[in-house]
């Protein structure tokens, strides 16, 4: 287990903030941020992703526009291994969610793509030029 502190919250005015140990700052606890914190915890604490190789709200150019991936897992060589797209738990993971993530995938060319809304999780692996659905979440050692 890492020594990162997860799910530390505080109230500031009328907002609840959650401490993101990867970004080292408090963020407004929106429904999507809650899901993002859960998936970051899963990646680091259960799948063995080194915290230093995980970027949150990673900037990427898509069709000339600046966009942000919710999270990107990097290999020790600095190349992207996995893109993670999060949605609030009230948002159904749909074809449009997959299409959004695929646009990020096309820009970064990782080996894995994950969609997560706190309830449903889908993971895909790039094989033979296509994204194939997986029946499990890969550990960091399986990704790299």
Protein backbone atom coordinates (compact mmCIF):
# COMPACT_ATOMS: atom_id res chain seq x y z
CA UNK A 1 0.00 0.00 0.00
CA UNK A 2 1.15 3.52 -0.72
CA UNK A 3 1.42 6.27 1.83
CA UNK A 4 -0.93 8.54 -0.13
CA UNK A 5 -3.92 9.86 1.80
CA UNK A 6 -7.17 9.29 -0.07
CA UNK A 7 -10.63 10.77 0.40
CA UNK A 8 -9.63 13.57 2.77
CA UNK A 9 -12.33 16.26 2.53
CA UNK A 10 -13.01 19.70 3.92
CA UNK A 11 -15.77 22.28 3.69
CA UNK A 12 -14.95 25.71 2.32
CA UNK A 13 -17.91 28.06 2.23
CA UNK A 14 -20.70 26.17 0.51
CA UNK A 15 -18.36 23.75 -1.29
CA UNK A 16 -16.99 20.36 -0.28
CA UNK A 17 -13.40 19.84 -1.37
CA UNK A 18 -11.48 16.58 -1.68
CA UNK A 19 -7.72 16.33 -1.46
CA UNK A 20 -6.17 14.78 -4.55
CA UNK A 21 -2.89 13.22 -3.39
CA UNK A 22 -1.60 12.97 -6.96
CA UNK A 23 -2.16 16.63 -7.82
CA UNK A 24 -1.33 17.57 -4.21
CA UNK A 25 -4.23 20.00 -3.90
CA UNK A 26 -7.87 20.23 -2.92
CA UNK A 27 -10.45 20.02 -5.73
CA UNK A 28 -14.17 20.70 -5.68
CA UNK A 29 -15.94 17.43 -4.95
CA UNK A 30 -18.20 17.21 -7.99
CA UNK A 31 -19.87 13.90 -8.88
CA UNK A 32 -17.26 13.32 -11.61
CA UNK A 33 -14.37 14.21 -9.26
CA UNK A 34 -15.68 11.65 -6.77
CA UNK A 35 -15.55 8.97 -9.48
CA UNK A 36 -12.09 10.15 -10.59
CA UNK A 37 -10.76 9.86 -7.02
CA UNK A 38 -12.20 6.35 -6.73
CA UNK A 39 -10.53 5.23 -9.97
CA UNK A 40 -7.20 6.82 -9.00
CA UNK A 41 -7.36 4.95 -5.70
CA UNK A 42 -8.14 1.71 -7.58
CA UNK A 43 -5.24 2.22 -9.99
CA UNK A 44 -2.65 3.01 -7.32
CA UNK A 45 -3.77 0.89 -4.37
CA UNK A 46 -5.13 -2.19 -6.13
CA UNK A 47 -3.62 -2.34 -9.61
CA UNK A 48 -0.11 -1.28 -8.56
CA UNK A 49 0.23 1.82 -10.73
CA UNK A 50 3.11 3.93 -9.38
CA UNK A 51 1.66 7.31 -8.34
CA UNK A 52 4.50 9.09 -10.13
CA UNK A 53 3.49 7.47 -13.42
CA UNK A 54 -0.13 8.58 -13.27
CA UNK A 55 -1.22 11.95 -14.66
CA UNK A 56 -4.57 13.52 -13.76
CA UNK A 57 -6.41 15.80 -16.21
CA UNK A 58 -3.68 15.25 -18.78
CA UNK A 59 -3.72 17.74 -21.68
CA UNK A 60 -4.00 16.31 -25.17
CA UNK A 61 -4.58 17.86 -28.61
CA UNK A 62 -7.62 16.45 -30.42
CA UNK A 63 -8.30 17.85 -33.90
CA UNK A 64 -6.31 20.95 -32.97
CA UNK A 65 -8.32 21.53 -29.78
CA UNK A 66 -6.96 21.32 -26.23
CA UNK A 67 -8.74 18.52 -24.34
CA UNK A 68 -8.05 16.71 -21.08
CA UNK A 69 -7.98 13.01 -20.31
CA UNK A 70 -9.24 12.27 -16.81
CA UNK A 71 -6.16 10.12 -16.17
CA UNK A 72 -3.27 8.64 -18.09
CA UNK A 73 -1.06 5.79 -16.87
CA UNK A 74 2.50 5.97 -18.18
CA UNK A 75 5.14 3.31 -18.58
CA UNK A 76 8.59 3.67 -17.07
CA UNK A 77 9.75 4.80 -20.54
CA UNK A 78 7.32 7.75 -20.43
CA UNK A 79 4.96 6.37 -23.07
CA UNK A 80 1.20 6.27 -22.32
CA UNK A 81 -0.07 2.81 -21.34
CA UNK A 82 -3.70 3.54 -20.47
CA UNK A 83 -6.23 6.33 -20.83
CA UNK A 84 -9.00 6.51 -18.22
CA UNK A 85 -12.23 8.39 -18.96
CA UNK A 86 -14.51 9.03 -15.97
CA UNK A 87 -18.13 10.06 -15.82
CA UNK A 88 -20.32 10.85 -12.83
CA UNK A 89 -22.18 7.83 -11.45
CA UNK A 90 -25.44 9.35 -12.75
CA UNK A 91 -24.06 9.25 -16.32
CA UNK A 92 -24.51 6.03 -18.27
CA UNK A 93 -21.41 4.82 -20.11
CA UNK A 94 -22.50 4.97 -23.72
CA UNK A 95 -21.23 4.90 -27.27
CA UNK A 96 -20.56 8.66 -27.05
CA UNK A 97 -18.43 8.09 -23.93
CA UNK A 98 -16.42 5.49 -25.83
CA UNK A 99 -16.10 7.79 -28.84
CA UNK A 100 -14.77 10.60 -26.61
CA UNK A 101 -12.17 8.25 -25.10
CA UNK A 102 -11.24 6.92 -28.55
CA UNK A 103 -10.42 10.47 -29.67
CA UNK A 104 -7.93 10.70 -26.79
CA UNK A 105 -6.71 7.21 -27.63
CA UNK A 106 -6.03 8.26 -31.25
CA UNK A 107 -3.91 11.17 -30.01
CA UNK A 108 -1.86 9.19 -27.46
CA UNK A 109 -1.86 5.59 -28.79
CA UNK A 110 -1.82 3.75 -25.43
CA UNK A 111 -2.26 0.00 -25.18
CA UNK A 112 -5.33 0.22 -22.90
CA UNK A 113 -8.46 2.34 -22.55
CA UNK A 114 -10.74 2.34 -19.51
CA UNK A 115 -14.22 3.83 -19.00
CA UNK A 116 -15.54 4.20 -15.45
CA UNK A 117 -18.56 5.83 -13.82
CA UNK A 118 -18.21 4.47 -10.29
CA UNK A 119 -20.61 1.63 -11.02
CA UNK A 120 -19.74 0.30 -14.46
CA UNK A 121 -16.24 -0.23 -15.76
CA UNK A 122 -15.10 -1.22 -19.24
CA UNK A 123 -11.55 -1.86 -20.26
CA UNK A 124 -10.20 -2.33 -23.78
CA UNK A 125 -6.84 -3.48 -25.11
CA UNK A 126 -5.36 -2.51 -28.47
CA UNK A 127 -4.79 -5.68 -30.50
CA UNK A 128 -4.25 -5.98 -34.24
CA UNK A 129 -5.29 -2.38 -34.87
CA UNK A 130 -8.57 -2.64 -32.94
CA UNK A 131 -9.76 -2.12 -29.37
CA UNK A 132 -10.88 -5.45 -27.86
CA UNK A 133 -12.99 -5.60 -24.70
CA UNK A 134 -11.25 -7.19 -21.71
CA UNK A 135 -12.93 -9.21 -18.97
CA UNK A 136 -10.70 -7.79 -16.22
CA UNK A 137 -8.70 -4.70 -15.27
CA UNK A 138 -5.00 -5.15 -15.96
CA UNK A 139 -2.48 -4.66 -13.17
CA UNK A 140 0.37 -2.25 -13.84
CA UNK A 141 2.73 -5.17 -14.42
CA UNK A 142 0.31 -6.51 -17.05
CA UNK A 143 0.14 -3.09 -18.71
CA UNK A 144 3.89 -2.58 -18.93
